Amino acid sequence: IRVEYTSGTRGGRGYTKDLSAGGLFLKIDPPFPLGTEAELKVYLPLRNGEVILEARAVVIRSVAKPEEGGFTLPGCGFRFITRQDEATRMISELLRMKGLAP
């Protein structure tokens, strides 16, 4: 899932496979430091087409290099600070479509 991010003067595009109603892990290198706030645009591929979720988020995990075992790529774990109830519904719909939620 494509994600665009902006924090201060730094912006760009990354991808996530780890998305929940509470946040996401964004594959970017180098990662932002812990506590960094960013504006995110998450492009959700829903049944009726692509929908853009806009949210403010804070970095709660920062991985500078792959962890032992290679399960985690460089990037950031973001927790959503602001989002709308509609955004939570859209994420839940996407997870159900993928068979990842009841």
PDB file of N, CA and C in Angstrom:
ATOM      1  N   ILE A   1       0.850  -1.171   0.000  1.00  0.00           N
ATOM      2  CA  ILE A   1       0.000   0.000   0.000  1.00  0.00           C
ATOM      3  C   ILE A   1       0.894   1.232   0.000  1.00  0.00           C
ATOM      4  N   ARG A   2       0.650   2.121  -0.934  1.00  0.00           N
ATOM      5  CA  ARG A   2       1.481   3.323  -1.089  1.00  0.00           C
ATOM      6  C   ARG A   2       1.143   4.333  -0.008  1.00  0.00           C
ATOM      7  N   VAL A   3       2.192   4.975   0.512  1.00  0.00           N
ATOM      8  CA  VAL A   3       2.037   6.008   1.536  1.00  0.00           C
ATOM      9  C   VAL A   3       2.947   7.180   1.175  1.00  0.00           C
ATOM     10  N   GLU A   4       2.394   8.384   1.206  1.00  0.00           N
ATOM     11  CA  GLU A   4       3.198   9.593   1.051  1.00  0.00           C
ATOM     12  C   GLU A   4       3.326  10.231   2.427  1.00  0.00           C
ATOM     13  N   TYR A   5       4.502  10.782   2.723  1.00  0.00           N
ATOM     14  CA  TYR A   5       4.745  11.355   4.040  1.00  0.00           C
ATOM     15  C   TYR A   5       5.439  12.703   3.921  1.00  0.00           C
ATOM     16  N   THR A   6       5.164  13.571   4.918  1.00  0.00           N
ATOM     17  CA  THR A   6       5.807  14.869   5.013  1.00  0.00           C
ATOM     18  C   THR A   6       6.058  15.155   6.485  1.00  0.00           C
ATOM     19  N   SER A   7       7.286  15.572   6.795  1.00  0.00           N
ATOM     20  CA  SER A   7       7.635  16.002   8.147  1.00  0.00           C
ATOM     21  C   SER A   7       8.683  17.096   8.023  1.00  0.00           C
ATOM     22  N   GLY A   8       8.309  18.313   8.394  1.00  0.00           N
ATOM     23  CA  GLY A   8       9.238  19.433   8.232  1.00  0.00           C
ATOM     24  C   GLY A   8       9.565  19.616   6.768  1.00  0.00           C
ATOM     25  N   THR A   9      10.860  19.609   6.440  1.00  0.00           N
ATOM     26  CA  THR A   9      11.278  19.784   5.052  1.00  0.00           C
ATOM     27  C   THR A   9      11.459  18.460   4.321  1.00  0.00           C
ATOM     28  N   ARG A  10      11.267  17.350   5.013  1.00  0.00           N
ATOM     29  CA  ARG A  10      11.465  16.038   4.408  1.00  0.00           C
ATOM     30  C   ARG A  10      10.126  15.433   4.008  1.00  0.00           C
ATOM     31  N   GLY A  11      10.081  14.941   2.809  1.00  0.00           N
ATOM     32  CA  GLY A  11       8.882  14.267   2.325  1.00  0.00           C
ATOM     33  C   GLY A  11       9.259  13.196   1.337  1.00  0.00           C
ATOM     34  N   GLY A  12       8.344  12.329   1.057  1.00  0.00           N
ATOM     35  CA  GLY A  12       8.626  11.277   0.094  1.00  0.00           C
ATOM     36  C   GLY A  12       7.502  10.278   0.029  1.00  0.00           C
ATOM     37  N   ARG A  13       7.837   9.118  -0.490  1.00  0.00           N
ATOM     38  CA  ARG A  13       6.875   8.049  -0.705  1.00  0.00           C
ATOM     39  C   ARG A  13       7.479   6.744  -0.215  1.00  0.00           C
ATOM     40  N   GLY A  14       6.659   5.931   0.411  1.00  0.00           N
ATOM     41  CA  GLY A  14       7.094   4.618   0.875  1.00  0.00           C
ATOM     42  C   GLY A  14       5.941   3.640   0.727  1.00  0.00           C
ATOM     43  N   TYR A  15       6.136   2.451   1.261  1.00  0.00           N
ATOM     44  CA  TYR A  15       5.120   1.412   1.156  1.00  0.00           C
ATOM     45  C   TYR A  15       4.960   0.695   2.484  1.00  0.00           C
ATOM     46  N   THR A  16       3.734   0.237   2.730  1.00  0.00           N
ATOM     47  CA  THR A  16       3.457  -0.528   3.936  1.00  0.00           C
ATOM     48  C   THR A  16       2.709  -1.803   3.589  1.00  0.00           C
ATOM     49  N   LYS A  17       3.001  -2.844   4.349  1.00  0.00           N
ATOM     50  CA  LYS A  17       2.216  -4.077   4.320  1.00  0.00           C
ATOM     51  C   LYS A  17       1.630  -4.311   5.706  1.00  0.00           C
ATOM     52  N   ASP A  18       1.979  -3.421   6.636  1.00  0.00           N
ATOM     53  CA  ASP A  18       1.582  -3.558   8.040  1.00  0.00           C
ATOM     54  C   ASP A  18       0.716  -2.356   8.417  1.00  0.00           C
ATOM     55  N   LEU A  19      -0.605  -2.528   8.316  1.00  0.00           N
ATOM     56  CA  LEU A  19      -1.549  -1.443   8.535  1.00  0.00           C
ATOM     57  C   LEU A  19      -2.640  -1.897   9.486  1.00  0.00           C
ATOM     58  N   SER A  20      -2.984  -1.039  10.440  1.00  0.00           N
ATOM     59  CA  SER A  20      -4.110  -1.305  11.328  1.00  0.00           C
ATOM     60  C   SER A  20      -4.854   0.004  11.540  1.00  0.00           C
ATOM     61  N   ALA A  21      -5.969  -0.044  12.271  1.00  0.00           N
ATOM     62  CA  ALA A  21      -6.725   1.167  12.556  1.00  0.00           C
ATOM     63  C   ALA A  21      -5.923   2.120  13.439  1.00  0.00           C
ATOM     64  N   GLY A  22      -4.912   1.613  14.147  1.00  0.00           N
ATOM     65  CA  GLY A  22      -4.126   2.441  15.047  1.00  0.00           C
ATOM     66  C   GLY A  22      -2.859   3.019  14.459  1.00  0.00           C
ATOM     67  N   GLY A  23      -2.402   2.470  13.323  1.00  0.00           N
ATOM     68  CA  GLY A  23      -1.168   2.971  12.740  1.00  0.00           C
ATOM     69  C   GLY A  23      -0.649   2.064  11.642  1.00  0.00           C
ATOM     70  N   LEU A  24       0.645   2.234  11.321  1.00  0.00           N
ATOM     71  CA  LEU A  24       1.259   1.443  10.255  1.00  0.00           C
ATOM     72  C   LEU A  24       2.777   1.427  10.418  1.00  0.00           C
ATOM     73  N   PHE A  25       3.422   0.472   9.736  1.00  0.00           N
ATOM     74  CA  PHE A  25       4.875   0.450   9.640  1.00  0.00           C
ATOM     75  C   PHE A  25       5.227   0.823   8.209  1.00  0.00           C
ATOM     76  N   LEU A  26       6.028   1.865   8.066  1.00  0.00           N
ATOM     77  CA  LEU A  26       6.373   2.403   6.753  1.00  0.00           C
ATOM     78  C   LEU A  26       7.818   2.067   6.418  1.00  0.00           C
ATOM     79  N   LYS A  27       8.017   1.401   5.295  1.00  0.00           N
ATOM     80  CA  LYS A  27       9.362   1.053   4.827  1.00  0.00           C
ATOM     81  C   LYS A  27       9.993   2.293   4.202  1.00  0.00           C
ATOM     82  N   ILE A  28      10.906   2.952   4.943  1.00  0.00           N
ATOM     83  CA  ILE A  28      11.657   4.097   4.429  1.00  0.00           C
ATOM     84  C   ILE A  28      13.070   4.046   4.996  1.00  0.00           C
ATOM     85  N   ASP A  29      14.016   4.519   4.233  1.00  0.00           N
ATOM     86  CA  ASP A  29      15.413   4.511   4.658  1.00  0.00           C
ATOM     87  C   ASP A  29      16.066   5.808   4.208  1.00  0.00           C
ATOM     88  N   PRO A  30      16.577   6.625   5.115  1.00  0.00           N
ATOM     89  CA  PRO A  30      16.679   6.371   6.554  1.00  0.00           C
ATOM     90  C   PRO A  30      15.349   6.654   7.254  1.00  0.00           C
ATOM     91  N   PRO A  31      15.129   5.990   8.395  1.00  0.00           N
ATOM     92  CA  PRO A  31      13.891   6.217   9.140  1.00  0.00           C
ATOM     93  C   PRO A  31      13.932   7.530   9.916  1.00  0.00           C
ATOM     94  N   PHE A  32      12.752   8.006  10.289  1.00  0.00           N
ATOM     95  CA  PHE A  32      12.661   9.175  11.160  1.00  0.00           C
ATOM     96  C   PHE A  32      13.016   8.766  12.593  1.00  0.00           C
ATOM     97  N   PRO A  33      13.518   9.701  13.393  1.00  0.00           N
ATOM     98  CA  PRO A  33      13.766   9.413  14.809  1.00  0.00           C
ATOM     99  C   PRO A  33      12.450   9.240  15.585  1.00  0.00           C
ATOM    100  N   LEU A  34      12.545   8.556  16.719  1.00  0.00           N
ATOM    101  CA  LEU A  34      11.390   8.399  17.604  1.00  0.00           C
ATOM    102  C   LEU A  34      10.806   9.765  17.960  1.00  0.00           C
ATOM    103  N   GLY A  35       9.492   9.833  18.027  1.00  0.00           N
ATOM    104  CA  GLY A  35       8.817  11.061  18.419  1.00  0.00           C
ATOM    105  C   GLY A  35       8.540  12.032  17.285  1.00  0.00           C
ATOM    106  N   THR A  36       9.072  11.762  16.095  1.00  0.00           N
ATOM    107  CA  THR A  36       8.831  12.640  14.947  1.00  0.00           C
ATOM    108  C   THR A  36       7.368  12.573  14.537  1.00  0.00           C
ATOM    109  N   GLU A  37       6.764  13.729  14.313  1.00  0.00           N
ATOM    110  CA  GLU A  37       5.394  13.779  13.812  1.00  0.00           C
ATOM    111  C   GLU A  37       5.417  13.996  12.301  1.00  0.00           C
ATOM    112  N   ALA A  38       4.472  13.381  11.615  1.00  0.00           N
ATOM    113  CA  ALA A  38       4.418  13.485  10.152  1.00  0.00           C
ATOM    114  C   ALA A  38       2.974  13.481   9.683  1.00  0.00           C
ATOM    115  N   GLU A  39       2.777  14.061   8.518  1.00  0.00           N
ATOM    116  CA  GLU A  39       1.491  13.991   7.819  1.00  0.00           C
ATOM    117  C   GLU A  39       1.588  12.819   6.842  1.00  0.00           C
ATOM    118  N   LEU A  40       0.603  11.926   6.884  1.00  0.00           N
ATOM    119  CA  LEU A  40       0.599  10.753   6.014  1.00  0.00           C
ATOM    120  C   LEU A  40      -0.611  10.779   5.095  1.00  0.00           C
ATOM    121  N   LYS A  41      -0.405  10.314   3.870  1.00  0.00           N
ATOM    122  CA  LYS A  41      -1.493  10.030   2.940  1.00  0.00           C
ATOM    123  C   LYS A  41      -1.360   8.553   2.593  1.00  0.00           C
ATOM    124  N   VAL A  42      -2.366   7.772   2.973  1.00  0.00           N
ATOM    125  CA  VAL A  42      -2.370   6.329   2.747  1.00  0.00           C
ATOM    126  C   VAL A  42      -3.365   6.031   1.638  1.00  0.00           C
ATOM    127  N   TYR A  43      -2.902   5.394   0.577  1.00  0.00           N
ATOM    128  CA  TYR A  43      -3.729   5.102  -0.594  1.00  0.00           C
ATOM    129  C   TYR A  43      -4.327   3.700  -0.439  1.00  0.00           C
ATOM    130  N   LEU A  44      -5.583   3.654   0.016  1.00  0.00           N
ATOM    131  CA  LEU A  44      -6.246   2.384   0.320  1.00  0.00           C
ATOM    132  C   LEU A  44      -6.970   1.844  -0.910  1.00  0.00           C
ATOM    133  N   PRO A  45      -6.613   0.630  -1.363  1.00  0.00           N
ATOM    134  CA  PRO A  45      -7.289   0.025  -2.521  1.00  0.00           C
ATOM    135  C   PRO A  45      -8.572  -0.678  -2.076  1.00  0.00           C
ATOM    136  N   LEU A  46      -9.690   0.033  -2.096  1.00  0.00           N
ATOM    137  CA  LEU A  46     -10.966  -0.530  -1.663  1.00  0.00           C
ATOM    138  C   LEU A  46     -11.770  -1.010  -2.857  1.00  0.00           C
ATOM    139  N   ARG A  47     -12.884  -1.687  -2.573  1.00  0.00           N
ATOM    140  CA  ARG A  47     -13.735  -2.257  -3.637  1.00  0.00           C
ATOM    141  C   ARG A  47     -14.195  -1.210  -4.640  1.00  0.00           C
ATOM    142  N   ASN A  48     -14.507  -0.024  -4.153  1.00  0.00           N
ATOM    143  CA  ASN A  48     -15.035   1.018  -5.047  1.00  0.00           C
ATOM    144  C   ASN A  48     -13.932   1.932  -5.574  1.00  0.00           C
ATOM    145  N   GLY A  49     -12.696   1.479  -5.540  1.00  0.00           N
ATOM    146  CA  GLY A  49     -11.576   2.262  -6.043  1.00  0.00           C
ATOM    147  C   GLY A  49     -10.651   2.706  -4.934  1.00  0.00           C
ATOM    148  N   GLU A  50      -9.618   3.415  -5.313  1.00  0.00           N
ATOM    149  CA  GLU A  50      -8.624   3.874  -4.349  1.00  0.00           C
ATOM    150  C   GLU A  50      -9.156   5.063  -3.548  1.00  0.00           C
ATOM    151  N   VAL A  51      -8.971   5.003  -2.236  1.00  0.00           N
ATOM    152  CA  VAL A  51      -9.386   6.073  -1.339  1.00  0.00           C
ATOM    153  C   VAL A  51      -8.149   6.553  -0.584  1.00  0.00           C
ATOM    154  N   ILE A  52      -8.030   7.866  -0.418  1.00  0.00           N
ATOM    155  CA  ILE A  52      -6.874   8.426   0.281  1.00  0.00           C
ATOM    156  C   ILE A  52      -7.249   8.735   1.719  1.00  0.00           C
ATOM    157  N   LEU A  53      -6.524   8.125   2.648  1.00  0.00           N
ATOM    158  CA  LEU A  53      -6.667   8.401   4.062  1.00  0.00           C
ATOM    159  C   LEU A  53      -5.580   9.387   4.450  1.00  0.00           C
ATOM    160  N   GLU A  54      -5.965  10.538   4.985  1.00  0.00           N
ATOM    161  CA  GLU A  54      -4.988  11.522   5.450  1.00  0.00           C
ATOM    162  C   GLU A  54      -4.993  11.505   6.968  1.00  0.00           C
ATOM    163  N   ALA A  55      -3.805  11.411   7.576  1.00  0.00           N
ATOM    164  CA  ALA A  55      -3.711  11.350   9.033  1.00  0.00           C
ATOM    165  C   ALA A  55      -2.403  11.967   9.504  1.00  0.00           C
ATOM    166  N   ARG A  56      -2.433  12.491  10.703  1.00  0.00           N
ATOM    167  CA  ARG A  56      -1.219  12.932  11.387  1.00  0.00           C
ATOM    168  C   ARG A  56      -0.784  11.755  12.248  1.00  0.00           C
ATOM    169  N   ALA A  57       0.527  11.494  12.298  1.00  0.00           N
ATOM    170  CA  ALA A  57       1.030  10.330  13.021  1.00  0.00           C
ATOM    171  C   ALA A  57       2.352  10.668  13.707  1.00  0.00           C
ATOM    172  N   VAL A  58       2.732   9.841  14.684  1.00  0.00           N
ATOM    173  CA  VAL A  58       3.981  10.015  15.404  1.00  0.00           C
ATOM    174  C   VAL A  58       4.772   8.703  15.342  1.00  0.00           C
ATOM    175  N   VAL A  59       6.092   8.815  15.213  1.00  0.00           N
ATOM    176  CA  VAL A  59       6.965   7.638  15.151  1.00  0.00           C
ATOM    177  C   VAL A  59       7.086   7.040  16.551  1.00  0.00           C
ATOM    178  N   ILE A  60       6.699   5.762  16.676  1.00  0.00           N
ATOM    179  CA  ILE A  60       6.833   5.059  17.944  1.00  0.00           C
ATOM    180  C   ILE A  60       7.859   3.927  17.857  1.00  0.00           C
ATOM    181  N   ARG A  61       8.358   3.673  16.638  1.00  0.00           N
ATOM    182  CA  ARG A  61       9.414   2.666  16.422  1.00  0.00           C
ATOM    183  C   ARG A  61      10.239   3.107  15.237  1.00  0.00           C
ATOM    184  N   SER A  62      11.562   3.046  15.396  1.00  0.00           N
ATOM    185  CA  SER A  62      12.465   3.437  14.315  1.00  0.00           C
ATOM    186  C   SER A  62      13.506   2.340  14.135  1.00  0.00           C
ATOM    187  N   VAL A  63      13.553   1.770  12.939  1.00  0.00           N
ATOM    188  CA  VAL A  63      14.476   0.664  12.637  1.00  0.00           C
ATOM    189  C   VAL A  63      15.449   1.142  11.566  1.00  0.00           C
ATOM    190  N   ALA A  64      16.734   1.303  11.939  1.00  0.00           N
ATOM    191  CA  ALA A  64      17.728   1.834  11.008  1.00  0.00           C
ATOM    192  C   ALA A  64      18.322   0.764  10.098  1.00  0.00           C
ATOM    193  N   LYS A  65      18.342  -0.481  10.564  1.00  0.00           N
ATOM    194  CA  LYS A  65      18.879  -1.582   9.751  1.00  0.00           C
ATOM    195  C   LYS A  65      18.051  -2.823  10.025  1.00  0.00           C
ATOM    196  N   PRO A  66      18.060  -3.779   9.103  1.00  0.00           N
ATOM    197  CA  PRO A  66      17.265  -4.994   9.317  1.00  0.00           C
ATOM    198  C   PRO A  66      17.621  -5.649  10.649  1.00  0.00           C
ATOM    199  N   GLU A  67      16.587  -6.089  11.356  1.00  0.00           N
ATOM    200  CA  GLU A  67      16.816  -6.752  12.627  1.00  0.00           C
ATOM    201  C   GLU A  67      17.234  -8.193  12.386  1.00  0.00           C
ATOM    202  N   GLU A  68      17.858  -8.792  13.389  1.00  0.00           N
ATOM    203  CA  GLU A  68      18.330 -10.168  13.289  1.00  0.00           C
ATOM    204  C   GLU A  68      17.185 -11.067  12.842  1.00  0.00           C
ATOM    205  N   GLY A  69      17.455 -11.917  11.898  1.00  0.00           N
ATOM    206  CA  GLY A  69      16.434 -12.782  11.340  1.00  0.00           C
ATOM    207  C   GLY A  69      15.794 -12.181  10.098  1.00  0.00           C
ATOM    208  N   GLY A  70      16.048 -10.883   9.858  1.00  0.00           N
ATOM    209  CA  GLY A  70      15.584 -10.231   8.644  1.00  0.00           C
ATOM    210  C   GLY A  70      14.094 -10.019   8.530  1.00  0.00           C
ATOM    211  N   PHE A  71      13.364 -10.054   9.655  1.00  0.00           N
ATOM    212  CA  PHE A  71      11.917  -9.910   9.588  1.00  0.00           C
ATOM    213  C   PHE A  71      11.464  -8.460   9.490  1.00  0.00           C
ATOM    214  N   THR A  72      12.277  -7.527   9.952  1.00  0.00           N
ATOM    215  CA  THR A  72      11.894  -6.119   9.929  1.00  0.00           C
ATOM    216  C   THR A  72      12.855  -5.336   9.055  1.00  0.00           C
ATOM    217  N   LEU A  73      12.310  -4.631   8.078  1.00  0.00           N
ATOM    218  CA  LEU A  73      13.094  -3.800   7.172  1.00  0.00           C
ATOM    219  C   LEU A  73      13.310  -2.430   7.795  1.00  0.00           C
ATOM    220  N   PRO A  74      14.283  -1.658   7.286  1.00  0.00           N
ATOM    221  CA  PRO A  74      14.437  -0.292   7.774  1.00  0.00           C
ATOM    222  C   PRO A  74      13.152   0.502   7.562  1.00  0.00           C
ATOM    223  N   GLY A  75      12.777   1.266   8.567  1.00  0.00           N
ATOM    224  CA  GLY A  75      11.573   2.075   8.460  1.00  0.00           C
ATOM    225  C   GLY A  75      11.089   2.547   9.806  1.00  0.00           C
ATOM    226  N   CYS A  76       9.817   2.971   9.837  1.00  0.00           N
ATOM    227  CA  CYS A  76       9.224   3.567  11.037  1.00  0.00           C
ATOM    228  C   CYS A  76       7.865   2.969  11.336  1.00  0.00           C
ATOM    229  N   GLY A  77       7.620   2.746  12.622  1.00  0.00           N
ATOM    230  CA  GLY A  77       6.285   2.417  13.086  1.00  0.00           C
ATOM    231  C   GLY A  77       5.603   3.711  13.488  1.00  0.00           C
ATOM    232  N   PHE A  78       4.483   4.023  12.855  1.00  0.00           N
ATOM    233  CA  PHE A  78       3.725   5.240  13.145  1.00  0.00           C
ATOM    234  C   PHE A  78       2.437   4.889  13.884  1.00  0.00           C
ATOM    235  N   ARG A  79       2.099   5.686  14.879  1.00  0.00           N
ATOM    236  CA  ARG A  79       0.790   5.609  15.529  1.00  0.00           C
ATOM    237  C   ARG A  79       0.000   6.823  15.064  1.00  0.00           C
ATOM    238  N   PHE A  80      -1.223   6.574  14.586  1.00  0.00           N
ATOM    239  CA  PHE A  80      -2.058   7.683  14.148  1.00  0.00           C
ATOM    240  C   PHE A  80      -2.421   8.556  15.348  1.00  0.00           C
ATOM    241  N   ILE A  81      -2.265   9.875  15.181  1.00  0.00           N
ATOM    242  CA  ILE A  81      -2.661  10.838  16.203  1.00  0.00           C
ATOM    243  C   ILE A  81      -4.068  11.329  15.888  1.00  0.00           C
ATOM    244  N   THR A  82      -4.294  11.660  14.629  1.00  0.00           N
ATOM    245  CA  THR A  82      -5.612  12.125  14.204  1.00  0.00           C
ATOM    246  C   THR A  82      -6.075  11.276  13.036  1.00  0.00           C
ATOM    247  N   ARG A  83      -7.299  10.910  13.100  1.00  0.00           N
ATOM    248  CA  ARG A  83      -7.955  10.240  11.981  1.00  0.00           C
ATOM    249  C   ARG A  83      -9.443  10.331  12.244  1.00  0.00           C
ATOM    250  N   GLN A  84     -10.202  10.131  11.233  1.00  0.00           N
ATOM    251  CA  GLN A  84     -11.648  10.217  11.372  1.00  0.00           C
ATOM    252  C   GLN A  84     -12.230   8.821  11.515  1.00  0.00           C
ATOM    253  N   ASP A  85     -13.444   8.750  12.065  1.00  0.00           N
ATOM    254  CA  ASP A  85     -14.123   7.459  12.177  1.00  0.00           C
ATOM    255  C   ASP A  85     -14.253   6.803  10.816  1.00  0.00           C
ATOM    256  N   GLU A  86     -14.453   7.600   9.776  1.00  0.00           N
ATOM    257  CA  GLU A  86     -14.561   7.071   8.416  1.00  0.00           C
ATOM    258  C   GLU A  86     -13.257   6.383   8.004  1.00  0.00           C
ATOM    259  N   ALA A  87     -12.120   6.922   8.439  1.00  0.00           N
ATOM    260  CA  ALA A  87     -10.827   6.319   8.123  1.00  0.00           C
ATOM    261  C   ALA A  87     -10.714   4.941   8.774  1.00  0.00           C
ATOM    262  N   THR A  88     -11.139   4.849  10.017  1.00  0.00           N
ATOM    263  CA  THR A  88     -11.116   3.560  10.715  1.00  0.00           C
ATOM    264  C   THR A  88     -11.990   2.552   9.975  1.00  0.00           C
ATOM    265  N   ARG A  89     -13.152   2.992   9.498  1.00  0.00           N
ATOM    266  CA  ARG A  89     -14.041   2.110   8.749  1.00  0.00           C
ATOM    267  C   ARG A  89     -13.380   1.628   7.460  1.00  0.00           C
ATOM    268  N   MET A  90     -12.688   2.545   6.755  1.00  0.00           N
ATOM    269  CA  MET A  90     -12.030   2.185   5.492  1.00  0.00           C
ATOM    270  C   MET A  90     -10.913   1.165   5.733  1.00  0.00           C
ATOM    271  N   ILE A  91     -10.118   1.364   6.771  1.00  0.00           N
ATOM    272  CA  ILE A  91      -9.041   0.421   7.073  1.00  0.00           C
ATOM    273  C   ILE A  91      -9.637  -0.939   7.429  1.00  0.00           C
ATOM    274  N   SER A  92     -10.689  -0.951   8.223  1.00  0.00           N
ATOM    275  CA  SER A  92     -11.342  -2.210   8.590  1.00  0.00           C
ATOM    276  C   SER A  92     -11.880  -2.926   7.356  1.00  0.00           C
ATOM    277  N   GLU A  93     -12.466  -2.177   6.415  1.00  0.00           N
ATOM    278  CA  GLU A  93     -12.973  -2.772   5.176  1.00  0.00           C
ATOM    279  C   GLU A  93     -11.842  -3.408   4.379  1.00  0.00           C
ATOM    280  N   LEU A  94     -10.720  -2.706   4.265  1.00  0.00           N
ATOM    281  CA  LEU A  94      -9.573  -3.238   3.535  1.00  0.00           C
ATOM    282  C   LEU A  94      -9.073  -4.526   4.185  1.00  0.00           C
ATOM    283  N   LEU A  95      -8.955  -4.545   5.505  1.00  0.00           N
ATOM    284  CA  LEU A  95      -8.476  -5.736   6.201  1.00  0.00           C
ATOM    285  C   LEU A  95      -9.435  -6.908   6.011  1.00  0.00           C
ATOM    286  N   ARG A  96     -10.737  -6.640   6.007  1.00  0.00           N
ATOM    287  CA  ARG A  96     -11.716  -7.705   5.752  1.00  0.00           C
ATOM    288  C   ARG A  96     -11.570  -8.239   4.327  1.00  0.00           C
ATOM    289  N   MET A  97     -11.368  -7.348   3.348  1.00  0.00           N
ATOM    290  CA  MET A  97     -11.190  -7.767   1.951  1.00  0.00           C
ATOM    291  C   MET A  97      -9.993  -8.696   1.813  1.00  0.00           C
ATOM    292  N   LYS A  98      -8.943  -8.416   2.587  1.00  0.00           N
ATOM    293  CA  LYS A  98      -7.713  -9.211   2.508  1.00  0.00           C
ATOM    294  C   LYS A  98      -7.792 -10.465   3.378  1.00  0.00           C
ATOM    295  N   GLY A  99      -8.923 -10.632   4.092  1.00  0.00           N
ATOM    296  CA  GLY A  99      -9.089 -11.803   4.962  1.00  0.00           C
ATOM    297  C   GLY A  99      -8.292 -11.691   6.249  1.00  0.00           C
ATOM    298  N   LEU A 100      -7.966 -10.471   6.660  1.00  0.00           N
ATOM    299  CA  LEU A 100      -7.142 -10.265   7.853  1.00  0.00           C
ATOM    300  C   LEU A 100      -7.950  -9.809   9.052  1.00  0.00           C
ATOM    301  N   ALA A 101      -9.265  -9.663   8.883  1.00  0.00           N
ATOM    302  CA  ALA A 101     -10.136  -9.239   9.979  1.00  0.00           C
ATOM    303  C   ALA A 101     -11.509  -9.886   9.780  1.00  0.00           C
ATOM    304  N   PRO A 102     -12.217 -10.132  10.876  1.00  0.00           N
ATOM    305  CA  PRO A 102     -13.555 -10.744  10.742  1.00  0.00           C
ATOM    306  C   PRO A 102     -14.563  -9.792  10.133  1.00  0.00           C
TER     307      PRO A 102
END
